[in-house]
Protein backbone atom coordinates (compact mmCIF):
# COMPACT_ATOMS: atom_id res chain seq x y z
CA MET A 1 -9.24 -2.48 -13.16
CA LYS A 2 -7.70 -1.29 -9.90
CA VAL A 3 -5.13 -2.86 -7.59
CA LEU A 4 -4.72 -1.48 -4.09
CA GLY A 5 -1.52 -2.06 -2.12
CA ILE A 6 -1.96 -1.56 1.64
CA SER A 7 1.20 -1.23 3.68
CA CYS A 8 0.48 -2.30 7.24
CA SER A 9 3.90 -1.29 8.51
CA PRO A 10 4.09 1.51 11.08
CA ARG A 11 7.34 2.60 9.45
CA PRO A 12 7.13 4.49 6.13
CA SER A 13 9.70 3.94 3.37
CA GLY A 14 10.73 0.55 4.73
CA ASN A 15 11.06 -2.83 3.04
CA THR A 16 7.32 -3.47 3.02
CA GLN A 17 6.71 -0.25 1.11
CA VAL A 18 9.52 -0.94 -1.34
CA LEU A 19 8.12 -4.35 -2.30
CA LEU A 20 4.53 -3.13 -2.42
CA GLU A 21 5.43 -0.28 -4.74
CA GLU A 22 7.28 -2.71 -7.01
CA ALA A 23 4.20 -4.96 -7.09
CA LEU A 24 2.05 -1.98 -8.03
CA GLU A 25 4.44 -1.17 -10.87
CA GLY A 26 3.88 -4.72 -12.07
CA ALA A 27 0.12 -4.15 -11.99
CA ARG A 28 0.51 -0.93 -13.96
CA SER A 29 2.55 -2.76 -16.59
CA GLU A 30 -0.57 -4.89 -17.21
CA GLY A 31 -2.69 -1.78 -17.74
CA ALA A 32 -4.25 -1.53 -14.29
CA GLU A 33 -4.69 1.51 -12.12
CA ALA A 34 -2.65 0.95 -8.97
CA GLU A 35 -2.65 2.81 -5.66
CA TYR A 36 -0.35 2.62 -2.66
CA PHE A 37 -1.91 3.27 0.74
CA SER A 38 -0.05 3.23 4.05
CA LEU A 39 -1.50 2.69 7.49
CA ALA A 40 1.53 4.39 9.05
CA GLY A 41 0.29 7.23 11.23
CA LYS A 42 -3.36 6.29 10.67
CA ASP A 43 -5.85 5.98 13.49
CA ILE A 44 -7.30 2.47 13.16
CA LYS A 45 -9.05 1.56 16.38
CA PRO A 46 -9.65 -2.09 17.31
CA CYS A 47 -13.01 -3.74 16.71
CA ASP A 48 -15.16 -3.55 19.85
CA ALA A 49 -17.31 -6.54 18.86
CA CYS A 50 -20.56 -4.60 19.25
CA GLY A 51 -22.15 -6.38 16.27
CA SER A 52 -24.08 -3.28 15.21
CA CYS A 53 -22.44 -3.27 11.77
CA HIS A 54 -24.52 -6.26 10.69
CA LYS A 55 -27.67 -4.35 11.51
CA THR A 56 -26.71 -0.94 10.16
CA GLY A 57 -24.40 -2.07 7.34
CA LYS A 58 -21.45 -0.04 8.57
CA CYS A 59 -19.01 0.24 11.45
CA HIS A 60 -20.01 2.74 14.11
CA ILE A 61 -16.38 3.66 14.93
CA THR A 62 -15.26 6.98 13.47
CA ASP A 63 -11.58 6.90 12.49
CA ASP A 64 -9.29 6.49 9.46
CA MET A 65 -10.77 3.07 8.70
CA THR A 66 -13.57 4.89 6.89
CA GLU A 67 -11.11 5.81 4.14
CA VAL A 68 -9.75 2.26 4.03
CA TYR A 69 -13.24 0.80 3.56
CA GLU A 70 -13.79 3.10 0.57
CA LYS A 71 -10.50 2.19 -1.08
CA MET A 72 -11.03 -1.54 -0.54
CA ALA A 73 -14.54 -1.35 -1.97
CA GLU A 74 -13.23 0.28 -5.17
CA ALA A 75 -10.39 -2.21 -5.73
CA ASP A 76 -10.50 -5.33 -7.89
CA GLY A 77 -7.38 -6.64 -6.20
CA ILE A 78 -5.81 -5.95 -2.80
CA ILE A 79 -2.21 -6.67 -1.82
CA PHE A 80 -1.61 -6.70 1.92
CA GLY A 81 1.94 -5.91 2.98
CA THR A 82 3.17 -6.50 6.51
CA PRO A 83 6.40 -6.78 8.44
CA ILE A 84 6.69 -9.57 10.98
CA TYR A 85 6.64 -8.46 14.61
CA PHE A 86 6.90 -11.06 17.37
CA TYR A 87 6.49 -13.88 14.84
CA GLY A 88 3.23 -12.64 13.34
CA MET A 89 1.57 -9.90 11.31
CA SER A 90 1.76 -6.29 12.46
CA ALA A 91 -0.79 -4.89 14.89
CA GLN A 92 -1.92 -2.50 12.16
CA LEU A 93 -2.86 -5.35 9.84
CA LYS A 94 -4.62 -7.31 12.58
CA ALA A 95 -6.69 -4.24 13.48
CA LEU A 96 -7.62 -3.77 9.81
CA ILE A 97 -8.65 -7.42 9.45
CA ASP A 98 -10.79 -7.31 12.58
CA ARG A 99 -12.51 -4.13 11.42
CA THR A 100 -13.47 -5.77 8.13
CA PHE A 101 -15.93 -7.88 10.10
CA ALA A 102 -18.09 -4.90 9.16
CA PRO A 103 -19.35 -4.74 5.54
CA LEU A 104 -17.53 -2.51 3.06
CA GLY A 105 -20.78 -0.68 2.44
CA LYS A 106 -24.27 -1.33 1.22
CA GLY A 107 -24.18 -3.93 -1.55
CA LYS A 108 -20.37 -4.17 -1.39
CA SER A 109 -18.18 -7.06 -0.30
CA PHE A 110 -14.78 -8.69 -0.69
CA THR A 111 -16.24 -11.56 -2.71
CA ASN A 112 -14.33 -12.20 -5.96
CA LYS A 113 -11.65 -9.59 -5.27
CA VAL A 114 -8.12 -10.91 -5.80
CA GLY A 115 -5.88 -11.04 -2.73
CA GLY A 116 -2.09 -10.97 -2.64
CA VAL A 117 0.45 -10.88 0.18
CA ILE A 118 3.88 -9.37 0.82
CA VAL A 119 5.62 -10.29 4.06
CA VAL A 120 9.00 -9.10 5.32
CA ALA A 121 10.68 -10.77 8.29
CA GLY A 122 13.97 -10.58 10.11
CA SER A 123 13.85 -14.29 10.90
CA VAL A 124 10.79 -16.51 11.51
CA GLY A 125 7.07 -15.75 11.33
CA ILE A 126 6.37 -15.55 7.61
CA ILE A 127 4.40 -18.81 7.52
CA ASP A 128 2.13 -17.75 10.38
CA ALA A 129 1.23 -14.48 8.66
CA LEU A 130 0.61 -16.26 5.36
CA LYS A 131 -1.61 -18.85 7.04
CA ASP A 132 -3.73 -16.15 8.65
CA LEU A 133 -4.06 -14.08 5.49
CA TYR A 134 -4.93 -16.95 3.18
CA PHE A 135 -7.57 -18.15 5.61
CA TYR A 136 -8.86 -14.58 5.62
CA PHE A 137 -9.11 -14.73 1.82
CA ALA A 138 -11.10 -17.97 2.09
CA ILE A 139 -13.55 -16.55 4.65
CA LYS A 140 -14.03 -13.39 2.57
CA ARG A 141 -14.48 -15.44 -0.63
CA MET A 142 -11.57 -13.67 -2.24
CA VAL A 143 -9.53 -15.22 -5.05
CA ALA A 144 -6.06 -16.01 -3.69
CA GLY A 145 -3.14 -14.70 -5.71
CA ASN A 146 0.52 -15.30 -4.98
CA TRP A 147 2.69 -14.16 -2.07
CA VAL A 148 6.18 -12.75 -1.69
CA GLY A 149 8.29 -13.31 1.40
CA ALA A 150 11.59 -11.58 2.08
CA TYR A 151 14.09 -11.79 4.92
CA ALA A 152 15.56 -8.38 5.57
CA ASN A 153 16.68 -6.43 8.63
CA GLY A 154 17.98 -3.06 7.49
CA LYS A 155 15.65 -0.40 6.12
CA GLY A 156 15.63 -0.64 2.33
CA ASP A 157 17.64 -3.87 2.19
CA VAL A 158 15.19 -5.48 -0.23
CA LYS A 159 16.20 -3.01 -2.93
CA ASN A 160 19.36 -5.11 -3.31
CA MET A 161 17.46 -8.40 -3.40
CA ALA A 162 16.87 -8.94 -7.10
CA GLY A 163 14.82 -12.10 -6.59
CA ALA A 164 12.44 -10.47 -4.14
CA MET A 165 11.99 -7.39 -6.30
CA LYS A 166 11.27 -9.51 -9.37
CA ALA A 167 8.80 -11.66 -7.43
CA ALA A 168 6.99 -8.54 -6.21
CA HIS A 169 6.74 -7.18 -9.76
CA GLU A 170 5.36 -10.51 -10.98
CA LEU A 171 2.84 -10.56 -8.13
CA GLY A 172 1.42 -7.27 -9.36
CA ARG A 173 1.17 -8.57 -12.91
CA GLU A 174 -0.49 -11.78 -11.75
CA MET A 175 -3.06 -9.89 -9.68
CA VAL A 176 -4.31 -8.13 -12.81
CA GLN A 177 -4.32 -11.25 -14.95
CA ILE A 178 -6.30 -13.20 -12.34
CA ALA A 179 -8.82 -10.36 -12.03
CA LYS A 180 -9.24 -10.32 -15.80
CA THR A 181 -10.41 -13.96 -15.76
CA GLY A 182 -13.65 -12.72 -14.20
CA PHE A 183 -13.87 -15.58 -11.71
CA LYS A 184 -17.10 -15.56 -9.69
CA TYR A 185 -17.94 -17.64 -6.65
CA PRO A 186 -21.28 -19.44 -7.00
CA ARG A 187 -24.16 -17.82 -5.15
CA GLY A 188 -25.90 -19.55 -2.28
CA PHE A 189 -22.84 -20.82 -0.46
CA GLN A 190 -22.12 -18.05 1.99
CA ARG A 191 -19.24 -18.44 4.43
CA SER A 192 -19.26 -17.36 8.03
CA HIS A 193 -16.79 -15.65 10.35
CA PHE A 194 -17.89 -18.12 13.00
CA ALA A 195 -16.39 -21.56 13.51
CA TYR A 196 -18.26 -24.82 13.12
CA GLY A 197 -17.06 -27.59 15.34
CA THR A 198 -18.22 -30.01 17.99
CA HIS A 199 -20.80 -27.55 19.30
CA THR A 200 -22.68 -27.61 16.00
CA HIS A 201 -25.97 -29.55 15.94
């Protein structure tokens, strides 16, 4: 059992990292292997919408996303952590999400992995990030776990927020317990990245 915490903040050792690491401690307390991974300083290029990944089974772009694909493929649960910038998720997280249009690898997918969310904002924007991430979980057929939202401005402020720290710890524990249920989506009902609306016949 492995839980991966991905910090999508460009700033290391900030509030997002603090809460993610606390969540991973919660996962460890339930007997899981837990790993923290930061996108800070990583080269994650944007998706160029070439579509070749669905023919070859992998993204053609060579950058640090290759390592991220491997770590995501190995994990039973993934906690995405992001600060709020301009009322939405960080650019690092959006780039990661777009790049996961490509498969994780041959025979690998996000289906049945547990997803959790940690969001840190100075004011508004938490709901927008949560909306986007939980819809992402639905499209990827992931099992949605809980979320933690914190309002903090100064670096490390969440360390003094007992409620937020406790919630993060409990999120990690819940991720493991959900994964242990062994939930499986039924086969034959694949979901698509593409919308279905009035243009559909």
